Protein backbone atom coordinates (compact mmCIF):
# COMPACT_ATOMS: atom_id res chain seq x y z
CA MET A 1 -0.15 0.07 -0.44
CA PRO A 2 1.23 3.26 -0.64
CA GLN A 3 2.23 5.79 2.05
CA ARG A 4 0.38 8.70 2.21
CA ALA A 5 1.37 11.53 -0.39
CA PRO A 6 3.50 14.42 1.14
CA ALA A 7 1.89 17.13 -1.00
CA ARG A 8 -0.96 18.19 -2.74
CA PRO A 9 -1.73 20.19 -5.76
CA GLY A 10 -1.68 24.17 -5.08
CA MET A 11 0.34 23.66 -1.90
CA SER A 12 3.54 25.85 -1.36
CA MET A 13 6.82 24.26 -1.97
CA ASP A 14 7.66 25.37 1.91
CA ASP A 15 4.65 23.07 2.96
CA VAL A 16 5.87 20.08 1.56
CA ASP A 17 6.39 17.35 4.14
CA THR A 18 9.78 15.63 3.63
CA PRO A 19 11.94 13.59 2.47
CA ALA A 20 10.32 13.97 -0.45
CA LEU A 21 11.04 13.62 -4.35
CA ILE A 22 10.64 16.62 -6.39
CA VAL A 23 10.28 17.25 -9.61
CA ASP A 24 10.94 20.76 -11.76
CA LEU A 25 8.14 20.54 -14.21
CA ASP A 26 9.52 23.02 -16.14
CA ALA A 27 13.02 21.57 -16.40
CA PHE A 28 11.94 18.04 -16.41
CA GLU A 29 9.41 19.23 -19.60
CA ARG A 30 12.34 21.70 -21.41
CA ASN A 31 14.43 18.29 -21.20
CA LEU A 32 11.54 15.62 -22.76
CA GLU A 33 11.30 18.06 -25.27
CA GLN A 34 15.37 18.60 -25.80
CA MET A 35 15.93 14.65 -26.43
CA ALA A 36 12.74 14.34 -28.62
CA ARG A 37 14.19 17.16 -30.85
CA LEU A 38 17.81 15.77 -30.68
CA ALA A 39 16.58 12.15 -32.03
CA ARG A 40 14.21 14.00 -34.48
CA ARG A 41 17.38 15.69 -36.09
CA ALA A 42 19.58 12.49 -35.99
CA GLY A 43 17.00 10.38 -37.96
CA VAL A 44 16.83 7.58 -34.98
CA ARG A 45 13.74 6.31 -32.72
CA LEU A 46 13.84 7.16 -29.70
CA ARG A 47 12.66 4.84 -26.96
CA PRO A 48 13.15 6.01 -23.40
CA HIS A 49 14.34 3.67 -20.57
CA ALA A 50 11.41 3.80 -17.76
CA LYS A 51 13.43 1.85 -15.26
CA THR A 52 14.54 5.90 -14.55
CA HIS A 53 11.23 7.03 -13.69
CA LYS A 54 9.14 3.93 -13.10
CA SER A 55 6.09 5.62 -14.25
CA PRO A 56 3.62 5.14 -17.18
CA ILE A 57 2.34 8.97 -16.92
CA ILE A 58 5.99 9.97 -17.48
CA GLY A 59 5.96 7.65 -20.07
CA LEU A 60 3.21 8.99 -21.69
CA LYS A 61 4.64 12.38 -21.89
CA GLN A 62 7.63 11.23 -23.60
CA MET A 63 5.61 9.15 -26.13
CA ALA A 64 3.31 12.18 -26.75
CA LEU A 65 7.18 13.63 -28.13
CA GLY A 66 7.44 11.74 -30.46
CA ALA A 67 8.98 8.51 -28.49
CA VAL A 68 8.22 5.06 -30.57
CA GLY A 69 7.85 3.12 -26.98
CA LEU A 70 9.45 2.79 -23.52
CA CYS A 71 12.14 0.17 -22.49
CA CYS A 72 12.34 -1.30 -18.78
CA GLN A 73 14.51 -3.76 -17.39
CA LYS A 74 11.70 -6.15 -15.72
CA VAL A 75 8.78 -8.27 -16.67
CA SER A 76 7.22 -6.42 -13.15
CA GLU A 77 8.02 -2.87 -15.04
CA ALA A 78 6.60 -4.16 -18.04
CA GLU A 79 3.53 -4.91 -16.46
CA VAL A 80 2.63 -1.35 -15.08
CA LEU A 81 3.92 0.46 -17.84
CA VAL A 82 1.40 -1.76 -20.34
CA HIS A 83 -1.28 -1.64 -17.24
CA GLY A 84 -0.75 2.34 -17.57
CA GLY A 85 -1.60 2.76 -21.60
CA VAL A 86 1.96 2.67 -22.83
CA THR A 87 1.19 0.43 -26.25
CA ASP A 88 4.78 -0.41 -26.94
CA VAL A 89 7.67 -2.10 -24.51
CA LEU A 90 11.08 -3.52 -24.89
CA VAL A 91 12.42 -5.35 -22.05
CA SER A 92 15.98 -4.71 -22.52
CA ASN A 93 17.12 -7.93 -20.18
CA GLU A 94 17.27 -11.00 -20.51
CA VAL A 95 14.48 -12.83 -18.79
CA ILE A 96 14.89 -16.77 -17.28
CA GLY A 97 12.22 -18.65 -15.72
CA ALA A 98 8.91 -19.92 -17.01
CA ARG A 99 6.46 -18.11 -14.72
CA LYS A 100 8.30 -14.71 -15.32
CA LEU A 101 8.13 -15.29 -19.18
CA ASP A 102 4.36 -16.69 -19.10
CA ARG A 103 3.45 -12.90 -17.73
CA LEU A 104 5.69 -10.99 -20.10
CA ALA A 105 3.53 -13.46 -23.24
CA ALA A 106 0.69 -12.57 -21.56
CA LEU A 107 1.53 -9.11 -22.21
CA ALA A 108 1.67 -9.31 -25.71
CA ARG A 109 -1.90 -9.69 -25.64
CA GLN A 110 -2.23 -6.13 -24.75
CA ALA A 111 0.41 -4.62 -26.33
CA THR A 112 3.78 -4.75 -28.68
CA ILE A 113 6.51 -6.88 -26.57
CA MET A 114 9.83 -6.87 -28.00
CA VAL A 115 12.82 -8.81 -25.33
CA VAL A 116 16.32 -9.67 -25.27
CA ALA A 117 18.17 -12.59 -25.28
CA ASP A 118 21.85 -14.14 -25.38
CA SER A 119 21.40 -17.96 -25.03
CA GLU A 120 20.05 -20.86 -26.76
CA VAL A 121 18.26 -21.81 -23.44
CA GLY A 122 16.95 -18.45 -23.16
CA ILE A 123 15.67 -18.68 -26.72
CA ASP A 124 13.63 -22.14 -25.94
CA GLN A 125 12.11 -20.30 -22.73
CA LEU A 126 10.68 -17.61 -24.43
CA ALA A 127 9.64 -20.07 -27.67
CA ALA A 128 7.61 -22.12 -24.90
CA ALA A 129 5.88 -19.38 -23.29
CA ALA A 130 5.20 -17.85 -26.42
CA GLN A 131 3.41 -20.93 -27.40
CA ARG A 132 1.51 -21.39 -24.38
CA ALA A 133 0.49 -17.83 -24.38
CA ASP A 134 -0.69 -18.26 -28.22
CA VAL A 135 1.13 -14.55 -29.16
CA ARG A 136 4.41 -14.28 -31.03
CA LEU A 137 7.18 -12.22 -29.31
CA ARG A 138 9.69 -10.09 -31.16
CA VAL A 139 13.36 -10.62 -30.04
CA LEU A 140 16.48 -9.03 -30.21
CA VAL A 141 20.01 -10.51 -29.92
CA GLU A 142 21.88 -9.08 -26.96
CA ILE A 143 25.72 -8.40 -27.59
CA ASN A 144 28.16 -7.48 -25.67
CA VAL A 145 29.74 -4.29 -26.90
CA GLY A 146 32.27 -3.40 -23.71
CA ALA A 147 30.58 -3.68 -20.79
CA ASP A 148 30.89 -7.19 -20.13
CA ARG A 149 27.85 -7.99 -18.63
CA CYS A 150 25.32 -9.79 -20.09
CA GLY A 151 25.31 -10.60 -24.22
CA VAL A 152 26.91 -12.94 -26.62
CA ALA A 153 30.12 -11.95 -28.62
CA PRO A 154 29.74 -9.99 -31.53
CA GLY A 155 30.02 -11.74 -35.11
CA THR A 156 29.38 -15.24 -35.44
CA ASP A 157 27.91 -16.08 -32.24
CA ALA A 158 25.41 -13.11 -32.54
CA VAL A 159 24.35 -14.58 -35.81
CA ARG A 160 24.41 -18.37 -34.21
CA ILE A 161 21.78 -16.95 -31.55
CA ALA A 162 19.66 -15.20 -34.53
CA MET A 163 19.32 -17.95 -36.32
CA LYS A 164 17.84 -19.98 -33.43
CA ILE A 165 15.73 -17.26 -32.74
CA ALA A 166 14.29 -17.31 -36.81
CA GLY A 167 13.79 -20.73 -36.63
CA ALA A 168 11.51 -20.60 -33.64
CA PRO A 169 7.27 -20.64 -35.01
CA THR A 170 6.51 -18.31 -32.12
CA LEU A 171 9.52 -15.91 -32.02
CA GLU A 172 10.11 -13.50 -34.46
CA PHE A 173 14.11 -12.15 -35.27
CA ALA A 174 14.03 -8.30 -34.54
CA GLY A 175 17.43 -7.13 -34.43
CA VAL A 176 20.39 -6.01 -31.66
CA GLN A 177 20.71 -4.69 -28.75
CA ALA A 178 24.29 -3.25 -28.32
CA TYR A 179 24.56 -1.15 -24.77
CA TYR A 180 27.54 0.52 -23.48
CA GLY A 181 26.43 1.02 -20.26
CA THR A 182 29.86 1.91 -18.32
CA ALA A 183 30.90 4.09 -21.16
CA GLN A 184 27.52 6.26 -20.17
CA HIS A 185 30.27 7.65 -17.09
CA PHE A 186 33.67 8.02 -18.75
CA ARG A 187 34.40 11.40 -17.72
CA THR A 188 36.45 12.56 -20.93
CA ALA A 189 35.07 13.18 -23.97
CA ASP A 190 38.34 10.66 -25.64
CA ALA A 191 37.29 8.36 -23.29
CA ARG A 192 33.25 8.45 -24.51
CA ARG A 193 34.32 8.23 -28.12
CA THR A 194 36.82 5.41 -28.40
CA ALA A 195 34.56 3.25 -26.32
CA ILE A 196 31.64 4.15 -28.63
CA ALA A 197 33.78 3.75 -31.47
CA GLY A 198 34.39 0.38 -30.33
CA ALA A 199 31.00 -0.66 -29.72
CA VAL A 200 30.01 0.91 -33.36
CA GLN A 201 32.68 -0.93 -34.95
CA SER A 202 31.48 -4.74 -33.54
CA THR A 203 27.70 -3.61 -33.96
CA ARG A 204 28.47 -2.80 -37.85
CA LEU A 205 30.56 -5.62 -38.18
CA THR A 206 27.54 -8.04 -36.39
CA VAL A 207 24.31 -6.36 -38.57
CA GLN A 208 26.61 -7.39 -42.01
CA MET A 209 27.29 -10.89 -41.15
CA LEU A 210 23.00 -11.06 -40.04
CA SER A 211 22.49 -9.39 -43.61
CA ASP A 212 24.84 -11.94 -45.27
CA ALA A 213 23.15 -15.13 -43.44
CA GLY A 214 19.69 -13.27 -44.84
CA LEU A 215 18.40 -11.48 -41.73
CA GLY A 216 17.71 -7.80 -41.61
CA CYS A 217 17.81 -5.87 -37.99
CA ASP A 218 14.94 -3.36 -38.18
CA VAL A 219 15.69 -2.46 -34.48
CA VAL A 220 19.70 -1.71 -33.91
CA CYS A 221 19.55 -0.42 -30.68
CA GLY A 222 21.50 1.11 -27.35
CA ALA A 223 22.84 4.10 -25.75
CA GLY A 224 22.30 6.12 -23.03
CA THR A 225 22.31 9.50 -21.57
CA GLY A 226 26.32 9.95 -21.48
CA THR A 227 26.89 8.61 -25.11
CA PHE A 228 23.21 9.07 -27.07
CA GLU A 229 24.77 11.56 -29.40
CA LEU A 230 27.78 9.16 -30.66
CA GLU A 231 25.27 6.14 -31.63
CA ALA A 232 22.81 8.40 -33.07
CA ALA A 233 25.36 9.52 -35.51
CA SER A 234 27.07 6.18 -36.40
CA GLY A 235 24.53 5.72 -39.21
CA VAL A 236 24.29 2.31 -37.21
CA TYR A 237 22.00 2.56 -34.70
CA THR A 238 18.06 3.10 -35.43
CA GLU A 239 16.98 3.27 -31.76
CA ILE A 240 18.42 5.08 -28.85
CA GLN A 241 17.30 4.23 -25.22
CA PRO A 242 18.39 7.60 -22.87
CA GLY A 243 16.63 7.52 -19.44
CA SER A 244 18.24 9.59 -17.09
CA TYR A 245 18.15 12.48 -19.31
CA CYS A 246 14.22 13.20 -18.06
CA PHE A 247 16.03 14.27 -14.37
CA MET A 248 19.41 14.38 -14.88
CA ASP A 249 21.73 13.42 -11.37
CA ALA A 250 24.87 15.02 -10.04
CA ASP A 251 27.00 11.91 -11.58
CA TYR A 252 26.13 12.55 -15.03
CA ALA A 253 26.86 16.17 -14.44
CA ARG A 254 30.50 15.14 -13.83
CA ASN A 255 30.77 14.32 -17.43
CA ARG A 256 32.93 16.73 -19.52
CA ALA A 257 33.42 18.03 -22.98
CA ASP A 258 37.13 18.58 -24.62
CA ASP A 259 37.58 21.58 -23.25
CA GLY A 260 36.93 20.32 -19.61
CA SER A 261 33.45 22.15 -19.56
CA PRO A 262 30.15 20.20 -18.33
CA VAL A 263 29.10 18.16 -21.58
CA SER A 264 25.34 17.69 -20.74
CA THR A 265 22.94 20.38 -21.60
CA PHE A 266 19.89 18.92 -19.69
CA GLU A 267 19.17 20.24 -16.42
CA HIS A 268 18.40 19.05 -13.00
CA ALA A 269 15.10 18.35 -12.78
CA LEU A 270 15.02 15.89 -9.77
CA PHE A 271 15.55 16.85 -6.12
CA VAL A 272 15.34 15.42 -2.83
CA HIS A 273 13.45 17.97 -0.46
CA SER A 274 14.76 17.62 3.22
CA THR A 275 14.48 19.42 6.15
CA VAL A 276 17.38 20.48 8.98
CA MET A 277 15.97 18.05 11.79
CA SER A 278 18.61 19.33 14.44
CA ALA A 279 21.70 21.76 14.52
CA PRO A 280 23.70 21.42 17.36
CA VAL A 281 26.51 23.40 16.58
CA ALA A 282 27.57 26.20 14.03
CA GLU A 283 29.68 23.57 11.48
CA ARG A 284 27.05 20.56 11.33
CA ALA A 285 23.50 20.57 10.38
CA ILE A 286 21.30 17.11 10.50
CA LEU A 287 18.80 16.81 7.41
CA ASP A 288 15.79 14.15 7.84
CA ALA A 289 17.21 12.73 4.44
CA GLY A 290 19.50 9.65 4.50
CA HIS A 291 20.00 6.22 2.93
CA LYS A 292 16.16 5.73 2.61
CA ALA A 293 15.64 8.77 1.05
CA VAL A 294 18.71 8.82 -1.28
CA ALA A 295 20.82 6.68 -3.03
CA ILE A 296 24.47 7.34 -2.73
CA ASP A 297 26.03 4.70 -5.06
CA SER A 298 27.50 6.94 -7.47
CA GLY A 299 28.70 9.76 -4.71
CA MET A 300 26.29 11.74 -2.52
CA PRO A 301 23.98 14.14 -3.56
CA ASP A 302 24.87 17.89 -4.00
CA VAL A 303 23.66 20.70 -1.88
CA VAL A 304 21.70 23.16 -3.97
CA GLY A 305 21.67 26.80 -2.59
CA LEU A 306 23.76 26.77 0.43
CA SER A 307 27.02 27.29 -1.09
CA GLY A 308 30.47 25.23 0.69
CA ALA A 309 27.90 22.92 2.42
CA VAL A 310 28.82 19.45 1.78
CA TYR A 311 26.27 16.41 2.17
CA GLU A 312 28.33 13.48 3.88
CA ARG A 313 28.24 10.61 6.47
CA PRO A 314 24.33 9.41 5.67
CA SER A 315 22.68 7.14 7.99
CA ASP A 316 19.33 5.56 7.72
CA GLU A 317 17.11 8.05 8.35
CA HIS A 318 20.06 10.87 8.97
CA GLY A 319 22.07 12.91 6.72
CA THR A 320 24.99 15.26 7.71
CA LEU A 321 25.61 18.52 6.26
CA ASN A 322 29.42 19.90 6.71
CA LEU A 323 29.06 23.55 7.17
CA VAL A 324 32.60 24.58 7.92
CA ASP A 325 33.16 26.18 4.31
CA CYS A 326 29.69 27.67 4.19
CA GLU A 327 28.71 30.85 5.27
CA MET A 328 25.04 30.94 5.30
CA ARG A 329 23.94 28.54 7.99
CA PRO A 330 20.49 26.98 8.08
CA ARG A 331 18.54 26.91 11.11
CA LEU A 332 16.36 24.24 12.19
CA GLY A 333 13.22 23.62 10.08
CA ASP A 334 15.11 24.75 7.06
CA LYS A 335 14.25 23.18 3.97
CA VAL A 336 17.57 22.05 1.90
CA LEU A 337 16.85 20.44 -1.74
CA LEU A 338 19.64 17.44 -2.79
CA ILE A 339 20.46 16.36 -6.20
CA PRO A 340 21.08 12.96 -6.40
CA GLY A 341 24.13 11.16 -7.08
CA HIS A 342 21.66 8.74 -8.90
CA CYS A 343 18.57 9.30 -9.71
CA ASP A 344 17.33 5.58 -10.96
CA PRO A 345 17.68 4.01 -7.43
CA THR A 346 17.10 7.52 -5.45
CA VAL A 347 13.50 6.93 -7.53
CA ASN A 348 12.74 3.87 -6.46
CA LEU A 349 13.00 4.93 -2.38
CA HIS A 350 9.77 7.23 -3.00
CA ASP A 351 6.36 6.07 -3.54
CA TRP A 352 5.22 9.83 -4.97
CA TYR A 353 6.35 12.33 -7.08
CA VAL A 354 5.49 16.02 -6.26
CA GLY A 355 5.92 18.08 -9.36
CA VAL A 356 6.49 21.62 -8.73
CA ARG A 357 5.96 24.63 -10.91
CA GLY A 358 8.21 27.81 -10.67
CA LEU A 359 10.99 26.23 -9.03
CA ASN A 360 13.60 27.96 -10.75
CA VAL A 361 16.21 26.58 -8.67
CA ASN A 362 19.02 29.00 -8.32
CA ARG A 363 22.35 28.41 -6.87
CA VAL A 364 23.45 32.29 -6.55
CA GLN A 365 24.14 32.74 -3.10
CA GLY A 366 21.74 35.56 -1.88
CA ALA A 367 19.74 35.75 -4.68
CA LYS A 368 16.68 37.91 -3.92
CA SER A 369 13.15 35.97 -3.36
CA TYR A 370 15.48 32.67 -3.13
CA GLY A 371 15.54 30.87 0.46
CA ALA A 372 18.49 28.67 2.07
CA GLY A 373 16.74 25.89 -0.03
CA GLY A 374 17.37 27.46 -2.78
CA TYR A 375 14.30 27.97 -4.98
CA SER A 376 11.66 30.26 -5.52
CA ALA A 377 9.68 31.29 -2.80
CA ARG A 378 6.96 31.13 -5.45
CA ALA A 379 7.32 27.48 -5.96
CA SER A 380 3.98 25.65 -5.47
CA VAL A 381 2.70 22.08 -6.40
CA GLU A 382 1.30 21.65 -9.68
CA SER A 383 0.71 17.44 -9.03
CA VAL A 384 1.31 14.42 -7.59
CA TRP A 385 2.14 11.39 -9.28
CA PRO A 386 3.22 7.72 -7.87
CA VAL A 387 6.38 6.13 -8.33
CA ALA A 388 3.85 3.21 -10.02
CA ALA A 389 6.55 0.65 -10.74
CA ARG A 390 8.59 0.95 -7.30
CA GLY A 391 10.03 -2.21 -6.00
CA ALA A 392 9.01 -4.03 -9.42
CA LEU A 393 12.23 -6.28 -9.24
CA PHE A 394 10.55 -9.64 -10.77
């Protein structure tokens, strides 16, 4: 059962209960529009990754701007998306086990469903589930282009797996997934270019070998928020799968262009709203947002509006603000916005999005009409959306 929502429409930002997951609707909408525009300009299909937001409401907004469908990682995520009105879903992950596959096949009666495979055993299980459900499943071969996670080797091994898919009466070979996840977070532009150049070469070779074997690839997909422009410009990829662009996070903001400047033009649109619950000494304040409110797997969150303040030493329900180098000292009860280091697992910690209009996050210390939290005093809640696929792990 979802917890009580921390806000209601019409409420002032200052009155939102904390910890709360805040979406800056203005920045969020600009991010969606920018990615849709970039995909159109590059001539590739956009299939955003819903593992970031876990929300059919957000997914339908992306599709309204031209996305062909959504990706997700789990069958349970796909179920939430389809039941929420999303009509085209790629489970961009291997699915093993009859119970999961029967649920996946059942979804194919309600929406267009694709899934990836990298083994003959997986293909046999997919084919059997599709037969039991009397449906036909579209399947992509996943190839390992450098991440060394899932995926069969490019080239001959990929052709062998594709031929097995094409030979199954209840399956349809749809193409190739070639996603280099770790490259998304390589800090330098040169490192990202080198990694994706290798991925493109392996993918191009595989697509050509599949063509030589009589198998066309309608879908050649991959790419994330950190590298999508490289894959889109390759002439090989037909679909891109960025997810975090809709929110951005502190980790992606650390990627750099050739001149050392931040590479991303997407805006931070996701924040964790917190309250100073204790201020025992001048050099330290304690927030009510710890491990259970913000993920730290990709580093600590950045603090908005308090120049010099450092978030550190989180515990389950507490986060410490080191204020040694901060001139503006927050008081007991002040609200503080945090930019998560990694948006995806942070989203999965919350039941609700609080959509705020007019947030206008401003990091300039002491700007007029901005409080200690770093946001406009006129900010107010416009919408409250459930994180519908929160905890969808199976």
